[in-house]
Amino acid sequence: GFLPLQGHVVRNWKVRWFVLLQDKLLYYKIEGGKKEPSPKGRILLDGCTITCPCLEYENRPLLIKLKTKTNTDYFLECCSREERDSWALDITGAIHAGHPVQVQELHRMKNSFKLLENISLHNIVERMYDSSTGIKLTRNLDQGNRYKETFTGSALVDWLISSSFAVSRFEAVTLASMLMDENFIRPVGVRSTEATRSSDPSEKFLDDSTALYMFAESSKKNTSSKEEVHFNISELSGTIVKQGFLVKQGHKRKNWKVRKFVLRADPAFLHYYDPTKEDNKPVGGFSLRGCLVSALEDNGVPAGVKGNVQGNLFKIITKNDIHYYIQASSKAERVQWIEAIKPLT
């Protein structure tokens, strides 16, 4: 699948097509909408160590870090926590392929806690913001520094349990850790910040009355135009239904670029982002109301599509008659996207 990878010489981010084998991770360059035949590089997994979640980059909370036995660091970014954990589990399984007991333990840990199906992290955050029933924000003092609009780790755990999002403190800490992994909340002050450096995922969030946290957005409030505020509130407020990397044809140059697509409902919008950029702002998007979406057969390139494309194409026509040509990584993924989009049109 597609993952952004940080370069070694120039520290920029490039999207590559990754293929996991038993002993190595290959990555390919995409040119003109098609994967090149030879890999751009390879990561040997023998003696490799993996760090997940990796919190070394504040603007990229969904990273996996691989350190080879020659001490070369690779940073890979995923679309969602679920995708990140799935990649991490499979890579770790390949690293420890000769140790089946360790692999069994990894699967047991992965399945030890699961969110209820009707609960999403976005819903939890919305409830947290509620002025009457949400988490209470207070001023707090830490190491001589005053922090506004913060809450303690134990206060969040208490709130998650009292709001029926968790039935035990262990589950509540797991949920709070997810909120921090997804960059909904962030640590402030010495205690909570130092805890994030722990190698044990269960110790990164502290169920403690002296550990301080705040909404991540609270630290990033800056002046923006009315148009941008309106854009964020109206279009980006919907519930995320599906997200993933897809290849999209440009409207002017007709070249193909990998974009991170996010499908939202209520209101129904499809936005796409440039995963190589540091900011998390969409580079485009459109309302799905009145749109038509359909698969394009792979026997021949249809009119309007340029380049030697890989296949698995589908098309979205907006109510303003704008045509979007998009490639999925497989026929199954194309079907999943079409089935997710159709009910929202």
Foldseek 3Di string as FASTA:
>chain_A
DWWWKADDPHRFTDIWDWDDDLFKIFTFDAFQAHTDPDTPDMGGLAQKDKAPPDPPDVLQLAWIWIQHPVRDIMIIGFDANVVSLVVVLVSVCSSVVVPVVVNVVSVCVVPVDDFDPVDDLLVLLVQLPDPPLHQDFAWDAAPNDIDGGKAALLSQLVSCCVVVRDVDSQNSLVSVLNCVSVQQKHWDHDPQVVQCPDSDSSRNGDSDRRTMMHGSVVVVDDDDDPVVVCCCVPPVSFDWDDKGWWWWQDDPPRGIDIWIWTFGVPPTKIFTPRVRDSHDDTPDIDGLVPKDKDWDAPPDDDPPHDGDHDGQWMWIQHPVRDIIIIHDPDVVVSVVVNVSSVVND
